[in-house]
Amino acid sequence: MIMIFTASKLIITMGFISVVAATAAGDAMSQALHNTSGSIALGGGGGAYVNGYHANFVNPANLIIPDRNTRYTIGFIGGIQSSAGGSLVNIGLYNKHFTGGEVIDNERALRISDEWFGTGPNAAAQMGLGLDVVPVGFSYRRDDMAFSTAARARTLGSAGMSKGLFDLALTGLNTDVFKNPEKVNLNMEMLAMWELSFGFAMEVWRNQAGFTPGTMRIFAGAAPKILFGMGYAKLGLESRLQVTGRDLESRVAHDFEYYIHTVGNLTDDFLAYYEERRVQGNRDVILEDFIDDDSFSDLGGVLGMGLGLDMGATFEWYMDDVVLPVIGSGPRILRASLSITDMGGINFRDNPGDFRANDVFLWDGLNIDFEYIDEEHDGDFSNYLEYVLEDSIGSDIYGNFSPREVSNHRVGLTPVVNIGGALTMGRLGVMLDIGKGMNNRGVNSRRLYTALGTEYRIVGVVPVRIGMKLGGNSAINLSAGTGIDLKNFEFTVGFMTTPASSRGGMNMSAAWSGFVVRF
């Protein structure tokens, strides 16, 4: 259990950064493919149908798609969406194994670990979280051209661990589990930012003049954006742990290497800790003593800047007009799209820090000095044990990092390639998206995902939406949403959850439109 405690020194610092960064971002976190209340209710796609200023982040070409035959769209205090999940977040397995009151012996612990992580040599699990807020957005549409601007606050968080670290948490320093060296790895990252996006779309081809049945056209769009980094921190631990011997004669060998990336005031506090250790000879210097509120007082300011880009194209085919029972009357329109979103990154140049350690910790157990315990710890053995684990081992061994000179931290966004399709006819719509993230930052995932949804508008103004998403960062997700969507006003909500997370992990997402006005 020593490893859990000593790693917690680093995790505590990351936790502080995570909380402050989320607060600085307006209490908001982000999804891989930006979702609106409508698209999240339809399975989490949107490449061929999300329009208005939200199209900046999904497919800027869709700025041309009419929204209730209006030209202007303005949104306030809205476009809020949150999402959290991943293979590490598995409510199904947690309920199965940890809520029945059974004793977790070694055999049961390893069985749980195999179910949760798999049995491969590099087995690991990840989780991500995100919350987006679009506090204000504006778009203007003409028949062949459109413009928009939108601000978005985001916080991206992710964490992951190897199967070995999970085993350590359940079994402790067990010689049966760790008789051979096992990977005990950990990674955590938090990024907070603002984006200011400017979208432009135009029609690039059509087969005939006017807009009548049989009309086909292609429109394309791009939305460059300025990125303002408000906070960033990252931790990576790679190690191997082996425990040999028995009982009090056990020998622990931990070969570890880690890095910590910081920015702003936090870098100064880590440097102050490092310098104090040099002065004191690595004795009685605790990292937590150097971390306080001032360490995070600069978060929320501009600590880095960068550029990003969202772009896409949409094909539209006005097939014919329909008049059908229940479905009602209206044009039957088929759209297909291709988009690449969230390209770019931020350079954090405000006092970047890079701290690294590489060592081998060998431990043959405690050498108990009862006279020292009486003199220095008032005879309190538990206090002495805490001192050995936290101060002596924790600080002297695992806290012995050194700074490395670095000019900046380059942090990429969460790029996604998406192919979308949407068929609308009267009050009915069917949507399909297939996409893939290019990294695993936040809730983005390199796993292919498929999103399928359908929408029916009761009396034309109350959308009832249901959807399903397969793949991505979790198991099968189901979604739904509704609200009021008038010609000049919208207030809608949507949510998504994983009914059975035992295979693939959990995801929970929600979004609301805010107050949207069109005219």
Protein backbone atom coordinates (compact mmCIF):
# COMPACT_ATOMS: atom_id res chain seq x y z
CA MET A 1 0.00 0.00 0.00
CA ILE A 2 3.03 2.30 0.16
CA MET A 3 2.78 2.98 -3.53
CA ILE A 4 -0.83 4.13 -3.22
CA PHE A 5 0.08 6.58 -0.52
CA THR A 6 3.18 7.99 -2.16
CA ALA A 7 1.47 8.39 -5.50
CA SER A 8 -1.32 10.19 -3.66
CA LYS A 9 1.06 13.06 -2.96
CA LEU A 10 1.06 13.74 -6.66
CA ILE A 11 -2.65 13.00 -7.09
CA ILE A 12 -3.60 15.48 -4.36
CA THR A 13 -1.83 18.23 -6.26
CA MET A 14 -3.56 17.21 -9.47
CA GLY A 15 -6.88 17.18 -7.67
CA PHE A 16 -6.41 20.78 -6.56
CA ILE A 17 -5.64 21.78 -10.13
CA SER A 18 -8.66 19.90 -11.46
CA VAL A 19 -11.09 21.61 -9.13
CA VAL A 20 -9.72 25.08 -9.73
CA ALA A 21 -9.49 24.58 -13.49
CA ALA A 22 -13.09 23.43 -13.67
CA THR A 23 -14.20 26.44 -11.68
CA ALA A 24 -12.19 28.78 -13.87
CA ALA A 25 -13.90 27.38 -16.94
CA GLY A 26 -17.31 28.36 -15.70
CA ASP A 27 -17.97 24.93 -14.21
CA ALA A 28 -17.94 23.35 -17.65
CA MET A 29 -16.41 20.30 -19.29
CA SER A 30 -16.28 19.08 -22.91
CA GLN A 31 -17.37 16.21 -25.15
CA ALA A 32 -15.29 14.75 -27.98
CA LEU A 33 -17.74 15.79 -30.71
CA HIS A 34 -19.46 18.96 -29.51
CA ASN A 35 -23.09 18.17 -28.71
CA THR A 36 -26.21 20.27 -28.46
CA SER A 37 -29.30 19.31 -26.49
CA GLY A 38 -30.73 17.97 -29.76
CA SER A 39 -27.74 15.99 -30.99
CA ILE A 40 -27.02 14.39 -27.61
CA ALA A 41 -30.65 13.20 -27.49
CA LEU A 42 -30.17 11.71 -30.97
CA GLY A 43 -27.19 9.56 -30.00
CA GLY A 44 -24.39 12.10 -29.94
CA GLY A 45 -23.82 12.79 -33.63
CA GLY A 46 -24.85 15.89 -35.54
CA GLY A 47 -22.49 16.18 -38.52
CA ALA A 48 -25.31 16.51 -41.06
CA TYR A 49 -27.95 18.40 -39.10
CA VAL A 50 -26.61 20.61 -36.28
CA ASN A 51 -27.01 24.21 -37.51
CA GLY A 52 -26.88 27.74 -36.11
CA TYR A 53 -23.81 28.90 -34.21
CA HIS A 54 -23.28 25.39 -32.75
CA ALA A 55 -22.33 24.28 -36.26
CA ASN A 56 -19.01 26.11 -35.70
CA PHE A 57 -17.89 23.22 -33.50
CA VAL A 58 -19.59 20.30 -35.32
CA ASN A 59 -19.59 21.10 -39.05
CA PRO A 60 -19.35 24.78 -40.07
CA ALA A 61 -20.86 23.99 -43.49
CA ASN A 62 -24.21 23.51 -41.73
CA LEU A 63 -24.43 27.23 -41.00
CA ILE A 64 -26.29 27.40 -44.34
CA ILE A 65 -28.98 24.88 -43.26
CA PRO A 66 -32.21 26.84 -42.63
CA ASP A 67 -33.45 26.91 -39.05
CA ARG A 68 -37.23 27.37 -39.20
CA ASN A 69 -36.72 29.67 -42.23
CA THR A 70 -35.11 32.36 -40.07
CA ARG A 71 -31.89 34.23 -40.80
CA TYR A 72 -30.60 35.18 -37.35
CA THR A 73 -29.95 32.93 -34.35
CA ILE A 74 -28.83 34.21 -30.95
CA GLY A 75 -28.19 32.07 -27.87
CA PHE A 76 -27.67 33.17 -24.26
CA ILE A 77 -26.60 31.31 -21.12
CA GLY A 78 -26.81 28.04 -22.91
CA GLY A 79 -25.28 25.38 -25.01
CA ILE A 80 -24.36 23.59 -21.79
CA GLN A 81 -23.32 19.96 -21.99
CA SER A 82 -21.52 17.64 -19.59
CA SER A 83 -20.10 14.18 -20.07
CA ALA A 84 -18.11 11.71 -17.98
CA GLY A 85 -17.21 8.08 -18.45
CA GLY A 86 -14.82 5.51 -19.80
CA SER A 87 -13.76 1.94 -19.16
CA LEU A 88 -12.46 2.85 -15.69
CA VAL A 89 -15.96 4.05 -14.71
CA ASN A 90 -17.89 0.79 -14.54
CA ILE A 91 -20.96 0.99 -12.32
CA GLY A 92 -22.12 -2.44 -13.41
CA LEU A 93 -18.99 -4.22 -12.16
CA TYR A 94 -18.83 -2.04 -9.04
CA ASN A 95 -22.37 -3.00 -8.04
CA LYS A 96 -21.70 -6.64 -8.85
CA HIS A 97 -18.59 -6.99 -6.73
CA PHE A 98 -18.54 -4.26 -4.06
CA THR A 99 -22.12 -3.82 -2.82
CA GLY A 100 -22.97 -7.36 -1.70
CA GLY A 101 -20.88 -7.42 1.46
CA GLU A 102 -18.58 -10.24 0.29
CA VAL A 103 -15.02 -10.45 1.55
CA ILE A 104 -12.51 -9.44 -1.15
CA ASP A 105 -9.79 -12.09 -0.85
CA ASN A 106 -6.91 -12.40 -3.30
CA GLU A 107 -8.68 -14.86 -5.58
CA ARG A 108 -11.80 -12.70 -5.80
CA ALA A 109 -9.74 -9.51 -6.23
CA LEU A 110 -7.90 -10.94 -9.23
CA ARG A 111 -11.15 -12.14 -10.76
CA ILE A 112 -12.59 -8.62 -10.42
CA SER A 113 -9.43 -7.19 -11.96
CA ASP A 114 -9.65 -9.55 -14.96
CA GLU A 115 -13.28 -8.57 -15.58
CA TRP A 116 -12.55 -4.86 -15.23
CA PHE A 117 -9.26 -4.56 -17.13
CA GLY A 118 -8.88 -7.73 -19.15
CA THR A 119 -5.99 -10.18 -18.98
CA GLY A 120 -3.48 -8.73 -21.44
CA PRO A 121 0.05 -7.74 -20.37
CA ASN A 122 -0.66 -4.06 -21.02
CA ALA A 123 -4.18 -4.01 -19.58
CA ALA A 124 -5.26 -0.54 -18.51
CA ALA A 125 -8.43 1.52 -18.16
CA GLN A 126 -9.22 5.18 -18.75
CA MET A 127 -11.84 7.69 -17.77
CA GLY A 128 -12.60 11.16 -19.04
CA LEU A 129 -14.77 14.07 -18.09
CA GLY A 130 -15.85 17.20 -19.83
CA LEU A 131 -18.23 20.12 -19.65
CA ASP A 132 -18.84 22.75 -22.35
CA VAL A 133 -20.56 26.07 -21.97
CA VAL A 134 -21.40 28.29 -24.93
CA PRO A 135 -22.49 31.42 -23.02
CA VAL A 136 -23.18 33.41 -26.16
CA GLY A 137 -23.45 32.65 -29.87
CA PHE A 138 -24.70 34.39 -32.99
CA SER A 139 -25.24 33.31 -36.59
CA TYR A 140 -26.53 34.99 -39.75
CA ARG A 141 -27.67 32.96 -42.77
CA ARG A 142 -28.32 33.76 -46.38
CA ASP A 143 -29.39 31.23 -48.99
CA ASP A 144 -25.83 30.73 -50.28
CA MET A 145 -23.64 32.08 -47.48
CA ALA A 146 -23.57 32.26 -43.67
CA PHE A 147 -21.49 33.75 -40.85
CA SER A 148 -21.32 33.09 -37.11
CA THR A 149 -19.36 33.69 -33.96
CA ALA A 150 -19.48 31.84 -30.63
CA ALA A 151 -17.57 31.66 -27.37
CA ARG A 152 -17.05 28.34 -25.62
CA ALA A 153 -15.61 27.57 -22.17
CA ARG A 154 -14.20 24.07 -21.76
CA THR A 155 -12.48 21.86 -19.24
CA LEU A 156 -11.05 18.51 -20.33
CA GLY A 157 -10.01 15.93 -17.78
CA SER A 158 -8.74 12.39 -18.04
CA ALA A 159 -7.19 9.73 -15.81
CA GLY A 160 -6.02 6.19 -16.30
CA MET A 161 -4.36 3.37 -14.47
CA SER A 162 -2.83 0.02 -15.22
CA LYS A 163 -4.27 -3.23 -14.01
CA GLY A 164 -1.33 -3.57 -11.62
CA LEU A 165 -2.27 -0.40 -9.75
CA PHE A 166 -5.84 -1.68 -9.40
CA ASP A 167 -4.50 -4.97 -8.04
CA LEU A 168 -2.35 -3.07 -5.56
CA ALA A 169 -5.37 -1.14 -4.31
CA LEU A 170 -7.32 -4.37 -3.72
CA THR A 171 -4.63 -6.73 -2.41
CA GLY A 172 -1.87 -4.50 -1.04
CA LEU A 173 1.76 -5.57 -1.24
CA ASN A 174 0.90 -9.20 -1.86
CA THR A 175 3.64 -11.65 -2.71
CA ASP A 176 1.28 -13.92 -4.62
CA VAL A 177 0.05 -11.09 -6.83
CA PHE A 178 3.38 -9.31 -7.33
CA LYS A 179 5.81 -12.22 -7.25
CA ASN A 180 6.75 -11.21 -10.79
CA PRO A 181 7.26 -7.53 -11.72
CA GLU A 182 3.92 -5.94 -12.63
CA LYS A 183 3.21 -2.59 -14.28
CA VAL A 184 1.90 -0.03 -11.78
CA ASN A 185 1.14 3.00 -13.95
CA LEU A 186 -0.94 6.12 -13.51
CA ASN A 187 -1.76 9.14 -15.68
CA MET A 188 -3.83 12.25 -15.05
CA GLU A 189 -4.40 15.42 -17.04
CA MET A 190 -6.54 18.55 -16.72
CA LEU A 191 -6.92 21.35 -19.28
CA ALA A 192 -9.11 24.47 -18.97
CA MET A 193 -9.61 26.93 -21.82
CA TRP A 194 -11.78 29.47 -23.61
CA GLU A 195 -12.42 29.46 -27.35
CA LEU A 196 -13.56 32.31 -29.57
CA SER A 197 -14.79 30.83 -32.88
CA PHE A 198 -15.58 32.57 -36.17
CA GLY A 199 -17.55 30.51 -38.70
CA PHE A 200 -18.07 30.99 -42.41
CA ALA A 201 -19.92 28.79 -44.92
CA MET A 202 -20.80 29.12 -48.59
CA GLU A 203 -22.46 27.15 -51.32
CA VAL A 204 -19.84 25.74 -53.70
CA TRP A 205 -22.00 23.76 -56.16
CA ARG A 206 -25.63 23.21 -57.18
CA ASN A 207 -27.23 21.39 -60.07
CA GLN A 208 -29.99 23.88 -60.82
CA ALA A 209 -31.23 27.33 -59.95
CA GLY A 210 -33.87 27.84 -57.31
CA PHE A 211 -34.89 25.41 -54.58
CA THR A 212 -37.33 22.87 -56.00
CA PRO A 213 -37.62 19.08 -55.84
CA GLY A 214 -34.54 17.56 -57.44
CA THR A 215 -32.21 20.36 -56.33
CA MET A 216 -28.78 19.18 -55.19
CA ARG A 217 -26.08 21.35 -53.74
CA ILE A 218 -22.83 21.20 -51.78
CA PHE A 219 -21.78 23.73 -49.20
CA ALA A 220 -18.52 23.93 -47.27
CA GLY A 221 -17.43 25.83 -44.22
CA ALA A 222 -14.61 26.53 -41.81
CA ALA A 223 -14.44 28.00 -38.33
CA PRO A 224 -11.00 29.16 -37.15
CA LYS A 225 -10.81 29.86 -33.44
CA ILE A 226 -8.56 31.59 -30.96
CA LEU A 227 -7.72 29.53 -27.88
CA PHE A 228 -7.03 30.97 -24.43
CA GLY A 229 -5.47 28.51 -21.99
CA MET A 230 -6.52 29.08 -18.38
CA GLY A 231 -4.96 26.11 -16.62
CA TYR A 232 -3.04 22.95 -17.28
CA ALA A 233 -1.41 20.13 -15.34
CA LYS A 234 -0.36 16.60 -16.17
CA LEU A 235 1.09 13.64 -14.31
CA GLY A 236 2.50 10.43 -15.73
CA LEU A 237 3.86 7.51 -13.70
CA GLU A 238 5.38 4.39 -15.22
CA SER A 239 6.75 1.73 -12.89
CA ARG A 240 7.19 -1.95 -12.12
CA LEU A 241 6.51 -3.44 -8.70
CA GLN A 242 7.74 -6.76 -7.33
CA VAL A 243 7.16 -8.22 -3.86
CA THR A 244 9.10 -11.30 -2.76
CA GLY A 245 9.50 -13.22 0.50
CA ARG A 246 6.84 -13.73 3.14
CA ASP A 247 5.20 -11.71 5.91
CA LEU A 248 7.69 -9.59 7.86
CA GLU A 249 10.54 -10.72 5.62
CA SER A 250 8.91 -9.43 2.46
CA ARG A 251 11.05 -7.39 0.12
CA VAL A 252 9.54 -4.65 -2.04
CA ALA A 253 11.25 -3.49 -5.23
CA HIS A 254 9.67 -0.58 -7.06
CA ASP A 255 11.37 0.71 -10.19
CA PHE A 256 9.57 3.96 -11.03
CA GLU A 257 9.73 7.00 -13.29
CA TYR A 258 7.32 9.92 -13.31
CA TYR A 259 6.88 13.46 -14.62
CA ILE A 260 4.71 16.38 -13.57
CA HIS A 261 3.86 19.27 -15.90
CA THR A 262 2.73 22.56 -14.35
CA VAL A 263 2.19 26.18 -15.33
CA GLY A 264 1.99 29.53 -13.56
CA ASN A 265 2.29 29.89 -9.79
CA LEU A 266 2.26 26.16 -9.21
CA THR A 267 5.59 25.86 -11.00
CA ASP A 268 7.16 28.34 -8.57
CA ASP A 269 5.91 26.34 -5.60
CA PHE A 270 7.34 23.10 -6.97
CA LEU A 271 10.66 24.88 -7.55
CA ALA A 272 10.59 26.26 -4.01
CA TYR A 273 10.07 22.73 -2.67
CA TYR A 274 12.96 21.45 -4.78
CA GLU A 275 15.32 24.21 -3.59
CA GLU A 276 14.35 23.71 0.05
CA ARG A 277 15.13 20.01 -0.25
CA ARG A 278 18.59 20.88 -1.53
CA VAL A 279 19.18 23.19 1.43
CA GLN A 280 17.84 20.73 4.01
CA GLY A 281 19.49 17.71 2.47
CA ASN A 282 16.19 16.07 1.55
CA ARG A 283 15.07 15.91 5.19
CA ASP A 284 11.77 17.05 6.73
CA VAL A 285 10.58 18.82 3.57
CA ILE A 286 6.98 18.02 2.58
CA LEU A 287 5.46 18.98 -0.77
CA GLU A 288 2.03 19.75 0.69
CA ASP A 289 3.60 22.48 2.84
CA PHE A 290 4.40 24.42 -0.35
CA ILE A 291 0.98 24.08 -2.00
CA ASP A 292 -1.68 26.57 -0.88
CA ASP A 293 -4.37 28.83 -2.32
CA ASP A 294 -1.77 31.11 -3.90
CA SER A 295 -0.59 28.16 -6.00
CA PHE A 296 -3.81 28.38 -8.01
CA SER A 297 -4.64 32.09 -7.75
CA ASP A 298 -3.57 32.70 -11.35
CA LEU A 299 -5.77 29.97 -12.83
CA GLY A 300 -8.55 31.51 -14.86
CA GLY A 301 -6.18 34.07 -16.36
CA VAL A 302 -4.56 33.62 -19.76
CA LEU A 303 -1.61 31.27 -19.21
CA GLY A 304 -1.29 30.20 -22.84
CA MET A 305 -2.69 30.82 -26.31
CA GLY A 306 -3.17 28.95 -29.53
CA LEU A 307 -5.20 28.50 -32.68
CA GLY A 308 -7.72 25.89 -33.72
CA LEU A 309 -9.88 24.97 -36.69
CA ASP A 310 -13.15 23.17 -37.37
CA MET A 311 -14.14 22.46 -40.96
CA GLY A 312 -16.54 20.39 -43.04
CA ALA A 313 -18.71 19.96 -46.11
CA THR A 314 -22.33 18.90 -46.58
CA PHE A 315 -24.21 17.49 -49.58
CA GLU A 316 -27.93 18.25 -49.72
CA TRP A 317 -30.59 16.68 -51.96
CA TYR A 318 -34.10 18.12 -51.96
CA MET A 319 -35.81 14.91 -53.11
CA ASP A 320 -39.50 15.84 -53.20
CA ASP A 321 -42.42 17.01 -51.09
CA VAL A 322 -44.36 14.58 -48.94
CA VAL A 323 -47.90 14.59 -47.58
CA LEU A 324 -48.31 11.57 -45.31
CA PRO A 325 -50.60 10.69 -42.42
CA VAL A 326 -49.05 11.39 -39.01
CA ILE A 327 -45.78 12.54 -40.58
CA GLY A 328 -47.49 15.56 -42.12
CA SER A 329 -46.40 17.62 -45.09
CA GLY A 330 -43.03 19.09 -45.98
CA PRO A 331 -39.90 18.60 -48.06
CA ARG A 332 -38.04 15.31 -48.01
CA ILE A 333 -34.36 16.27 -47.74
CA LEU A 334 -31.35 13.98 -47.57
CA ARG A 335 -28.02 15.34 -46.28
CA ALA A 336 -24.59 13.74 -46.01
CA SER A 337 -21.53 15.34 -44.43
CA LEU A 338 -17.85 15.02 -43.70
CA SER A 339 -16.24 17.08 -40.96
CA ILE A 340 -12.93 17.33 -39.13
CA THR A 341 -13.23 19.24 -35.87
CA ASP A 342 -11.16 20.50 -32.97
CA MET A 343 -7.81 20.62 -34.71
CA GLY A 344 -5.09 22.75 -33.11
CA GLY A 345 -3.58 23.27 -29.70
CA ILE A 346 -2.44 25.68 -27.01
CA ASN A 347 1.10 26.72 -26.09
CA PHE A 348 1.35 27.33 -22.36
CA ARG A 349 4.27 29.74 -21.99
CA ASP A 350 3.44 31.28 -18.61
CA ASN A 351 6.10 29.76 -16.34
CA PRO A 352 5.91 26.14 -17.58
CA GLY A 353 7.39 23.51 -15.29
CA ASP A 354 8.62 19.98 -15.97
CA PHE A 355 9.58 17.88 -12.92
CA ARG A 356 10.89 14.34 -13.20
CA ALA A 357 12.07 11.48 -11.02
CA ASN A 358 13.61 8.12 -11.87
CA ASP A 359 14.61 5.78 -9.05
CA VAL A 360 14.38 2.29 -7.59
CA PHE A 361 12.86 1.94 -4.14
CA LEU A 362 13.95 -1.14 -2.20
CA TRP A 363 12.28 -1.87 1.13
CA ASP A 364 12.93 -4.75 3.53
CA GLY A 365 10.35 -3.70 6.11
CA LEU A 366 10.37 -1.43 9.14
CA ASN A 367 13.30 -1.21 11.54
CA ILE A 368 11.42 -0.43 14.73
CA ASP A 369 13.27 1.81 17.20
CA PHE A 370 11.08 1.95 20.31
CA GLU A 371 13.32 4.53 21.99
CA TYR A 372 12.92 6.85 18.98
CA ILE A 373 9.17 6.25 19.00
CA ASP A 374 9.00 7.26 22.68
CA GLU A 375 11.16 10.36 22.24
CA GLU A 376 9.87 11.72 18.92
CA HIS A 377 6.32 10.35 18.70
CA ASP A 378 5.23 10.11 22.35
CA GLY A 379 5.13 6.35 22.11
CA ASP A 380 2.44 6.47 19.39
CA PHE A 381 3.29 3.69 16.93
CA SER A 382 0.63 4.73 14.40
CA ASN A 383 2.07 8.25 14.37
CA TYR A 384 5.51 6.78 13.81
CA LEU A 385 4.23 4.58 10.97
CA GLU A 386 2.59 7.59 9.33
CA TYR A 387 5.87 9.49 9.61
CA VAL A 388 7.81 6.64 7.97
CA LEU A 389 5.38 6.24 5.10
CA GLU A 390 4.55 9.89 4.46
CA ASP A 391 7.67 11.84 5.41
CA SER A 392 10.53 9.40 5.13
CA ILE A 393 9.52 7.14 2.25
CA GLY A 394 6.96 9.43 0.63
CA SER A 395 9.06 12.59 0.57
CA ASP A 396 12.63 11.34 0.58
CA ILE A 397 12.12 8.66 -2.07
CA TYR A 398 9.12 9.53 -4.19
CA GLY A 399 9.31 13.28 -3.69
CA ASN A 400 12.90 13.45 -4.90
CA PHE A 401 12.22 15.01 -8.30
CA SER A 402 14.34 17.44 -10.29
CA PRO A 403 13.24 20.26 -12.60
CA ARG A 404 13.95 20.14 -16.30
CA GLU A 405 14.18 23.33 -18.34
CA VAL A 406 11.27 23.73 -20.75
CA SER A 407 10.06 26.73 -22.77
CA ASN A 408 6.41 25.76 -23.11
CA HIS A 409 3.84 22.96 -22.90
CA ARG A 410 2.13 22.24 -26.22
CA VAL A 411 -1.30 20.73 -25.56
CA GLY A 412 -3.43 19.45 -28.42
CA LEU A 413 -7.23 19.57 -28.61
CA THR A 414 -9.56 16.61 -29.26
CA PRO A 415 -9.78 16.17 -33.06
CA VAL A 416 -12.63 14.06 -34.44
CA VAL A 417 -13.35 12.85 -37.97
CA ASN A 418 -17.09 12.43 -38.53
CA ILE A 419 -19.25 11.20 -41.41
CA GLY A 420 -22.90 12.12 -40.97
CA GLY A 421 -26.23 11.55 -42.60
CA ALA A 422 -29.76 12.90 -42.01
CA LEU A 423 -33.11 12.33 -43.69
CA THR A 424 -35.98 14.67 -42.84
CA MET A 425 -39.55 14.52 -44.10
CA GLY A 426 -42.30 16.51 -42.53
CA ARG A 427 -42.23 16.07 -38.77
CA LEU A 428 -39.97 13.00 -38.89
CA GLY A 429 -36.20 12.82 -39.01
CA VAL A 430 -33.61 10.01 -38.96
CA MET A 431 -29.92 10.69 -38.28
CA LEU A 432 -26.76 8.57 -38.51
CA ASP A 433 -23.13 9.43 -37.68
CA ILE A 434 -19.91 7.43 -37.78
CA GLY A 435 -16.78 8.96 -36.32
CA LYS A 436 -13.44 8.47 -34.66
CA GLY A 437 -11.41 10.54 -32.27
CA MET A 438 -7.71 11.06 -32.93
CA ASN A 439 -6.63 10.92 -29.28
CA ASN A 440 -7.91 9.94 -25.83
CA ARG A 441 -7.89 13.39 -24.23
CA GLY A 442 -10.94 14.18 -22.10
CA VAL A 443 -13.87 12.00 -23.23
CA ASN A 444 -12.47 11.76 -26.75
CA SER A 445 -11.70 8.20 -27.85
CA ARG A 446 -9.75 6.57 -30.63
CA ARG A 447 -12.42 3.87 -30.79
CA LEU A 448 -14.85 4.14 -33.70
CA TYR A 449 -18.35 5.23 -32.70
CA THR A 450 -21.74 5.04 -34.38
CA ALA A 451 -24.62 7.31 -33.40
CA LEU A 452 -28.20 6.68 -34.56
CA GLY A 453 -31.24 8.77 -33.70
CA THR A 454 -34.78 9.63 -34.72
CA GLU A 455 -36.95 12.66 -34.06
CA TYR A 456 -40.67 13.31 -34.28
CA ARG A 457 -42.18 16.73 -33.75
CA ILE A 458 -45.57 16.71 -32.05
CA VAL A 459 -47.70 19.41 -33.69
CA GLY A 460 -44.44 20.62 -35.16
CA VAL A 461 -43.13 22.31 -31.98
CA VAL A 462 -42.47 19.58 -29.38
CA PRO A 463 -39.56 17.41 -30.54
CA VAL A 464 -39.43 13.89 -29.14
CA ARG A 465 -35.95 12.49 -29.67
CA ILE A 466 -34.40 9.10 -28.98
CA GLY A 467 -31.03 7.71 -29.96
CA MET A 468 -28.30 5.16 -29.44
CA LYS A 469 -24.53 5.33 -29.54
CA LEU A 470 -22.16 2.39 -29.92
CA GLY A 471 -18.41 2.50 -29.42
CA GLY A 472 -16.35 5.47 -28.36
CA ASN A 473 -15.29 5.61 -24.74
CA SER A 474 -17.98 3.32 -23.28
CA ALA A 475 -20.49 0.54 -23.85
CA ILE A 476 -23.84 0.99 -25.65
CA ASN A 477 -25.51 4.30 -24.76
CA LEU A 478 -29.17 5.21 -24.97
CA SER A 479 -30.36 8.80 -25.22
CA ALA A 480 -33.54 10.88 -25.24
CA GLY A 481 -34.67 14.48 -25.10
CA THR A 482 -37.50 16.92 -25.64
CA GLY A 483 -38.53 20.52 -25.04
CA ILE A 484 -40.13 23.40 -26.89
CA ASP A 485 -38.84 24.38 -30.35
CA LEU A 486 -40.89 27.22 -31.85
CA LYS A 487 -39.97 29.24 -34.91
CA ASN A 488 -38.56 32.10 -32.84
CA PHE A 489 -37.66 30.40 -29.55
CA GLU A 490 -36.07 27.16 -28.36
CA PHE A 491 -35.64 25.57 -24.94
CA THR A 492 -34.73 21.87 -25.14
CA VAL A 493 -32.87 19.26 -23.09
CA GLY A 494 -31.20 15.93 -23.81
CA PHE A 495 -29.42 13.21 -21.91
CA MET A 496 -27.50 10.00 -22.52
CA THR A 497 -26.59 7.10 -20.25
CA THR A 498 -25.23 3.55 -20.32
CA PRO A 499 -27.81 0.96 -19.20
CA ALA A 500 -25.25 -1.84 -18.81
CA SER A 501 -21.63 -0.78 -18.23
CA SER A 502 -20.13 -4.21 -17.42
CA ARG A 503 -18.69 -4.41 -20.92
CA GLY A 504 -16.97 -1.27 -22.12
CA GLY A 505 -17.55 1.08 -19.20
CA MET A 506 -19.96 3.86 -18.31
CA ASN A 507 -20.93 7.17 -19.89
CA MET A 508 -23.30 9.83 -18.61
CA SER A 509 -24.03 12.98 -20.60
CA ALA A 510 -26.55 15.79 -20.49
CA ALA A 511 -27.14 19.04 -22.37
CA TRP A 512 -29.60 21.92 -22.57
CA SER A 513 -30.07 24.55 -25.21
CA GLY A 514 -30.22 27.59 -22.98
CA PHE A 515 -32.33 30.44 -24.35
CA VAL A 516 -32.20 30.49 -28.15
CA VAL A 517 -33.94 33.24 -30.14
CA ARG A 518 -34.39 33.16 -33.92
CA PHE A 519 -35.78 35.77 -36.28
